[in-house]
Amino acid sequence: MIEMQDTIDIDAPVEHVFECLVKSLQNLESYRAWHHEHESIEWLRGKPVEEGSVVHIKEYLNGVLTGLTFRFVEVVPNRLIRYRVRFPLSIIAPENRFEFEPIGEGSCRFTAYGRIRMPMWLFQKSHPAHEGKLKASMQHMKEEGENLKRIAEGKHADTDKSA
């Protein structure tokens, strides 16, 4: 089993961080603002980030444009967003989730999880055309957390607040 996880502490209330993530999944402009490798987002069924809703996304991983369709299976406001890639990939990738945990007054711990149901050696053997894809996925996950922190804390890469 391959477990991917990235955790980051954010100096913003958990409700605000949750809201920022939900807003990042609303439309293409906000989705791209969350990460520069996000290419497209299309809601196929339901409203964004609701249990049962379905979304198709495209993003670059290791320089390869990858498209995936996800179904949101559990949404607990300010706590949890759990989503699964659609069949047949759900056989090997059973769960992804975002967790939000208050860690004091006005701060939150954000954790992104991904799981692949196969040993590393088999994953590497079955994906030779995408060498480095797992490492790129973990880097992408880390950057999404860092970007969510920047968004939630109100920091913008193109703005110098000291000027």
C-alpha atoms as a PDB file:
ATOM      1  CA  MET A   1       0.000   0.000   0.000  1.00  0.00           C
ATOM      2  CA  ILE A   2       1.298   3.443  -0.922  1.00  0.00           C
ATOM      3  CA  GLU A   3       0.283   6.207   1.469  1.00  0.00           C
ATOM      4  CA  MET A   4       0.752   9.856   0.539  1.00  0.00           C
ATOM      5  CA  GLN A   5       0.283  12.546   3.161  1.00  0.00           C
ATOM      6  CA  ASP A   6       1.171  16.186   3.586  1.00  0.00           C
ATOM      7  CA  THR A   7       0.370  18.344   6.608  1.00  0.00           C
ATOM      8  CA  ILE A   8       0.744  22.091   7.048  1.00  0.00           C
ATOM      9  CA  ASP A   9      -0.225  24.457   9.861  1.00  0.00           C
ATOM     10  CA  ILE A  10      -2.145  27.547   8.761  1.00  0.00           C
ATOM     11  CA  ASP A  11      -2.527  30.761  10.749  1.00  0.00           C
ATOM     12  CA  ALA A  12      -6.225  31.141  10.052  1.00  0.00           C
ATOM     13  CA  PRO A  13      -9.401  29.764  11.669  1.00  0.00           C
ATOM     14  CA  VAL A  14     -10.415  26.301  10.501  1.00  0.00           C
ATOM     15  CA  GLU A  15     -13.711  27.670   9.107  1.00  0.00           C
ATOM     16  CA  HIS A  16     -11.818  30.124   6.904  1.00  0.00           C
ATOM     17  CA  VAL A  17      -9.353  27.486   5.650  1.00  0.00           C
ATOM     18  CA  PHE A  18     -12.229  25.122   4.787  1.00  0.00           C
ATOM     19  CA  GLU A  19     -14.017  27.949   2.964  1.00  0.00           C
ATOM     20  CA  CYS A  20     -10.846  28.827   1.018  1.00  0.00           C
ATOM     21  CA  LEU A  21     -10.455  25.239  -0.176  1.00  0.00           C
ATOM     22  CA  VAL A  22     -14.112  24.988  -1.188  1.00  0.00           C
ATOM     23  CA  LYS A  23     -13.778  28.289  -3.108  1.00  0.00           C
ATOM     24  CA  SER A  24     -10.652  26.927  -4.826  1.00  0.00           C
ATOM     25  CA  LEU A  25     -12.782  24.139  -6.300  1.00  0.00           C
ATOM     26  CA  GLN A  26     -15.626  26.340  -7.563  1.00  0.00           C
ATOM     27  CA  ASN A  27     -14.397  27.312 -11.014  1.00  0.00           C
ATOM     28  CA  LEU A  28     -11.379  27.364 -13.318  1.00  0.00           C
ATOM     29  CA  GLU A  29     -10.057  30.745 -12.175  1.00  0.00           C
ATOM     30  CA  SER A  30      -9.998  29.802  -8.490  1.00  0.00           C
ATOM     31  CA  TYR A  31      -8.774  26.272  -9.273  1.00  0.00           C
ATOM     32  CA  ARG A  32      -5.789  27.649 -11.207  1.00  0.00           C
ATOM     33  CA  ALA A  33      -5.096  30.178  -8.448  1.00  0.00           C
ATOM     34  CA  TRP A  34      -4.750  27.243  -6.029  1.00  0.00           C
ATOM     35  CA  HIS A  35      -2.008  25.605  -8.140  1.00  0.00           C
ATOM     36  CA  HIS A  36      -0.367  26.617 -11.423  1.00  0.00           C
ATOM     37  CA  GLU A  37      -0.455  22.997 -12.716  1.00  0.00           C
ATOM     38  CA  HIS A  38      -4.269  22.875 -12.551  1.00  0.00           C
ATOM     39  CA  GLU A  39      -5.545  22.968 -16.111  1.00  0.00           C
ATOM     40  CA  SER A  40      -9.321  22.475 -15.947  1.00  0.00           C
ATOM     41  CA  ILE A  41     -12.215  21.699 -13.629  1.00  0.00           C
ATOM     42  CA  GLU A  42     -15.732  20.713 -14.688  1.00  0.00           C
ATOM     43  CA  TRP A  43     -18.544  19.806 -12.322  1.00  0.00           C
ATOM     44  CA  LEU A  44     -20.454  16.955 -13.955  1.00  0.00           C
ATOM     45  CA  ARG A  45     -23.099  16.329 -11.295  1.00  0.00           C
ATOM     46  CA  GLY A  46     -24.300  18.175  -8.227  1.00  0.00           C
ATOM     47  CA  LYS A  47     -22.994  21.352  -6.678  1.00  0.00           C
ATOM     48  CA  PRO A  48     -19.282  21.817  -5.961  1.00  0.00           C
ATOM     49  CA  VAL A  49     -17.967  20.004  -2.889  1.00  0.00           C
ATOM     50  CA  GLU A  50     -21.195  18.311  -1.788  1.00  0.00           C
ATOM     51  CA  GLU A  51     -21.655  14.637  -1.002  1.00  0.00           C
ATOM     52  CA  GLY A  52     -22.490  12.831  -4.234  1.00  0.00           C
ATOM     53  CA  SER A  53     -21.187  15.560  -6.532  1.00  0.00           C
ATOM     54  CA  VAL A  54     -18.869  14.557  -9.377  1.00  0.00           C
ATOM     55  CA  VAL A  55     -16.019  16.600 -10.823  1.00  0.00           C
ATOM     56  CA  HIS A  56     -13.587  16.070 -13.695  1.00  0.00           C
ATOM     57  CA  ILE A  57     -10.212  17.747 -13.336  1.00  0.00           C
ATOM     58  CA  LYS A  58      -7.072  17.975 -15.433  1.00  0.00           C
ATOM     59  CA  GLU A  59      -3.684  18.822 -14.006  1.00  0.00           C
ATOM     60  CA  TYR A  60      -0.070  18.379 -14.960  1.00  0.00           C
ATOM     61  CA  LEU A  61       1.916  15.781 -13.020  1.00  0.00           C
ATOM     62  CA  ASN A  62       5.545  15.283 -13.980  1.00  0.00           C
ATOM     63  CA  GLY A  63       4.874  17.246 -17.172  1.00  0.00           C
ATOM     64  CA  VAL A  64       2.030  14.937 -18.246  1.00  0.00           C
ATOM     65  CA  LEU A  65      -1.536  16.268 -18.458  1.00  0.00           C
ATOM     66  CA  THR A  66      -3.606  13.913 -16.307  1.00  0.00           C
ATOM     67  CA  GLY A  67      -7.391  13.832 -16.211  1.00  0.00           C
ATOM     68  CA  LEU A  68      -9.346  12.280 -13.339  1.00  0.00           C
ATOM     69  CA  THR A  69     -12.994  12.118 -12.349  1.00  0.00           C
ATOM     70  CA  PHE A  70     -13.829  12.177  -8.633  1.00  0.00           C
ATOM     71  CA  ARG A  71     -16.973  11.650  -6.571  1.00  0.00           C
ATOM     72  CA  PHE A  72     -17.275  13.395  -3.230  1.00  0.00           C
ATOM     73  CA  VAL A  73     -18.320  10.740  -0.715  1.00  0.00           C
ATOM     74  CA  GLU A  74     -18.248  12.661   2.574  1.00  0.00           C
ATOM     75  CA  VAL A  75     -18.198  16.354   3.387  1.00  0.00           C
ATOM     76  CA  VAL A  76     -18.161  17.429   7.022  1.00  0.00           C
ATOM     77  CA  PRO A  77     -17.892  21.235   7.074  1.00  0.00           C
ATOM     78  CA  ASN A  78     -14.713  22.527   8.725  1.00  0.00           C
ATOM     79  CA  ARG A  79     -13.492  18.955   9.340  1.00  0.00           C
ATOM     80  CA  LEU A  80     -13.310  16.605   6.351  1.00  0.00           C
ATOM     81  CA  ILE A  81     -13.664  16.288   2.585  1.00  0.00           C
ATOM     82  CA  ARG A  82     -13.368  12.699   1.368  1.00  0.00           C
ATOM     83  CA  TYR A  83     -13.441  11.910  -2.350  1.00  0.00           C
ATOM     84  CA  ARG A  84     -12.783   8.924  -4.591  1.00  0.00           C
ATOM     85  CA  VAL A  85     -11.564   8.620  -8.124  1.00  0.00           C
ATOM     86  CA  ARG A  86     -14.208   6.964 -10.325  1.00  0.00           C
ATOM     87  CA  PHE A  87     -14.164   3.341 -11.460  1.00  0.00           C
ATOM     88  CA  PRO A  88     -12.007   1.606 -12.681  1.00  0.00           C
ATOM     89  CA  LEU A  89      -9.168   3.572 -11.004  1.00  0.00           C
ATOM     90  CA  SER A  90     -11.022   3.338  -7.689  1.00  0.00           C
ATOM     91  CA  ILE A  91      -9.890  -0.287  -7.552  1.00  0.00           C
ATOM     92  CA  ILE A  92      -6.294   0.805  -6.957  1.00  0.00           C
ATOM     93  CA  ALA A  93      -6.864   4.316  -5.580  1.00  0.00           C
ATOM     94  CA  PRO A  94      -9.589   3.834  -2.967  1.00  0.00           C
ATOM     95  CA  GLU A  95      -9.504   7.136  -1.114  1.00  0.00           C
ATOM     96  CA  ASN A  96      -8.361  10.717  -1.010  1.00  0.00           C
ATOM     97  CA  ARG A  97      -9.235  13.177   1.688  1.00  0.00           C
ATOM     98  CA  PHE A  98      -8.584  16.598   3.155  1.00  0.00           C
ATOM     99  CA  GLU A  99      -8.713  16.980   6.934  1.00  0.00           C
ATOM    100  CA  PHE A 100      -9.024  20.225   8.877  1.00  0.00           C
ATOM    101  CA  GLU A 101      -8.127  20.358  12.568  1.00  0.00           C
ATOM    102  CA  PRO A 102      -8.247  23.414  14.836  1.00  0.00           C
ATOM    103  CA  ILE A 103      -4.914  23.786  16.676  1.00  0.00           C
ATOM    104  CA  GLY A 104      -5.457  26.744  18.908  1.00  0.00           C
ATOM    105  CA  GLU A 105      -7.186  30.033  18.643  1.00  0.00           C
ATOM    106  CA  GLY A 106      -7.242  31.149  15.034  1.00  0.00           C
ATOM    107  CA  SER A 107      -5.054  28.353  13.606  1.00  0.00           C
ATOM    108  CA  CYS A 108      -5.663  25.112  11.771  1.00  0.00           C
ATOM    109  CA  ARG A 109      -3.803  22.009  10.650  1.00  0.00           C
ATOM    110  CA  PHE A 110      -4.574  20.970   7.079  1.00  0.00           C
ATOM    111  CA  THR A 111      -3.714  17.443   5.948  1.00  0.00           C
ATOM    112  CA  ALA A 112      -4.099  15.973   2.468  1.00  0.00           C
ATOM    113  CA  TYR A 113      -4.116  12.173   2.086  1.00  0.00           C
ATOM    114  CA  GLY A 114      -3.957   9.855  -0.889  1.00  0.00           C
ATOM    115  CA  ARG A 115      -3.761   6.094  -0.989  1.00  0.00           C
ATOM    116  CA  ILE A 116      -2.867   3.613  -3.708  1.00  0.00           C
ATOM    117  CA  ARG A 117      -3.747  -0.007  -3.111  1.00  0.00           C
ATOM    118  CA  MET A 118      -0.626  -1.707  -4.440  1.00  0.00           C
ATOM    119  CA  PRO A 119       2.973  -2.131  -3.349  1.00  0.00           C
ATOM    120  CA  MET A 120       5.523   0.391  -4.604  1.00  0.00           C
ATOM    121  CA  TRP A 121       7.381  -2.136  -6.784  1.00  0.00           C
ATOM    122  CA  LEU A 122       4.172  -3.044  -8.614  1.00  0.00           C
ATOM    123  CA  PHE A 123       3.139   0.599  -9.054  1.00  0.00           C
ATOM    124  CA  GLN A 124       6.531   1.438 -10.571  1.00  0.00           C
ATOM    125  CA  LYS A 125       6.416  -1.595 -12.864  1.00  0.00           C
ATOM    126  CA  SER A 126       2.858  -0.850 -14.029  1.00  0.00           C
ATOM    127  CA  HIS A 127       3.532   2.841 -14.749  1.00  0.00           C
ATOM    128  CA  PRO A 128       6.847   2.882 -16.668  1.00  0.00           C
ATOM    129  CA  ALA A 129       5.609   5.631 -18.993  1.00  0.00           C
ATOM    130  CA  HIS A 130       5.056   7.889 -16.002  1.00  0.00           C
ATOM    131  CA  GLU A 131       8.334   7.476 -14.152  1.00  0.00           C
ATOM    132  CA  GLY A 132       8.412  10.041 -11.376  1.00  0.00           C
ATOM    133  CA  LYS A 133       4.619  10.462 -11.327  1.00  0.00           C
ATOM    134  CA  LEU A 134       4.305   9.408  -7.680  1.00  0.00           C
ATOM    135  CA  LYS A 135       7.040  11.803  -6.590  1.00  0.00           C
ATOM    136  CA  ALA A 136       5.420  14.550  -8.682  1.00  0.00           C
ATOM    137  CA  SER A 137       2.033  13.761  -7.077  1.00  0.00           C
ATOM    138  CA  MET A 138       3.509  14.136  -3.599  1.00  0.00           C
ATOM    139  CA  GLN A 139       5.214  17.405  -4.567  1.00  0.00           C
ATOM    140  CA  HIS A 140       1.950  18.670  -6.078  1.00  0.00           C
ATOM    141  CA  MET A 141       0.110  17.758  -2.852  1.00  0.00           C
ATOM    142  CA  LYS A 142       2.700  19.657  -0.794  1.00  0.00           C
ATOM    143  CA  GLU A 143       2.461  22.723  -3.043  1.00  0.00           C
ATOM    144  CA  GLU A 144      -1.345  22.692  -2.825  1.00  0.00           C
ATOM    145  CA  GLY A 145      -1.051  22.835   0.974  1.00  0.00           C
ATOM    146  CA  GLU A 146       1.461  25.678   0.807  1.00  0.00           C
ATOM    147  CA  ASN A 147      -0.757  27.565  -1.648  1.00  0.00           C
ATOM    148  CA  LEU A 148      -3.848  27.028   0.510  1.00  0.00           C
ATOM    149  CA  LYS A 149      -1.860  28.448   3.446  1.00  0.00           C
ATOM    150  CA  ARG A 150      -0.907  31.498   1.346  1.00  0.00           C
ATOM    151  CA  ILE A 151      -4.523  32.002   0.235  1.00  0.00           C
ATOM    152  CA  ALA A 152      -6.024  31.522   3.701  1.00  0.00           C
ATOM    153  CA  GLU A 153      -3.471  33.744   5.406  1.00  0.00           C
ATOM    154  CA  GLY A 154      -4.052  36.434   2.777  1.00  0.00           C
ATOM    155  CA  LYS A 155      -0.520  36.376   1.413  1.00  0.00           C
ATOM    156  CA  HIS A 156      -0.027  36.838  -2.283  1.00  0.00           C
ATOM    157  CA  ALA A 157       3.156  35.912  -4.145  1.00  0.00           C
ATOM    158  CA  ASP A 158       2.925  39.004  -6.321  1.00  0.00           C
ATOM    159  CA  THR A 159       2.343  41.428  -3.428  1.00  0.00           C
ATOM    160  CA  ASP A 160       5.037  42.650  -1.067  1.00  0.00           C
ATOM    161  CA  LYS A 161       3.246  43.885   2.056  1.00  0.00           C
ATOM    162  CA  SER A 162       6.370  45.588   3.344  1.00  0.00           C
ATOM    163  CA  ALA A 163       6.439  48.050   0.451  1.00  0.00           C
END
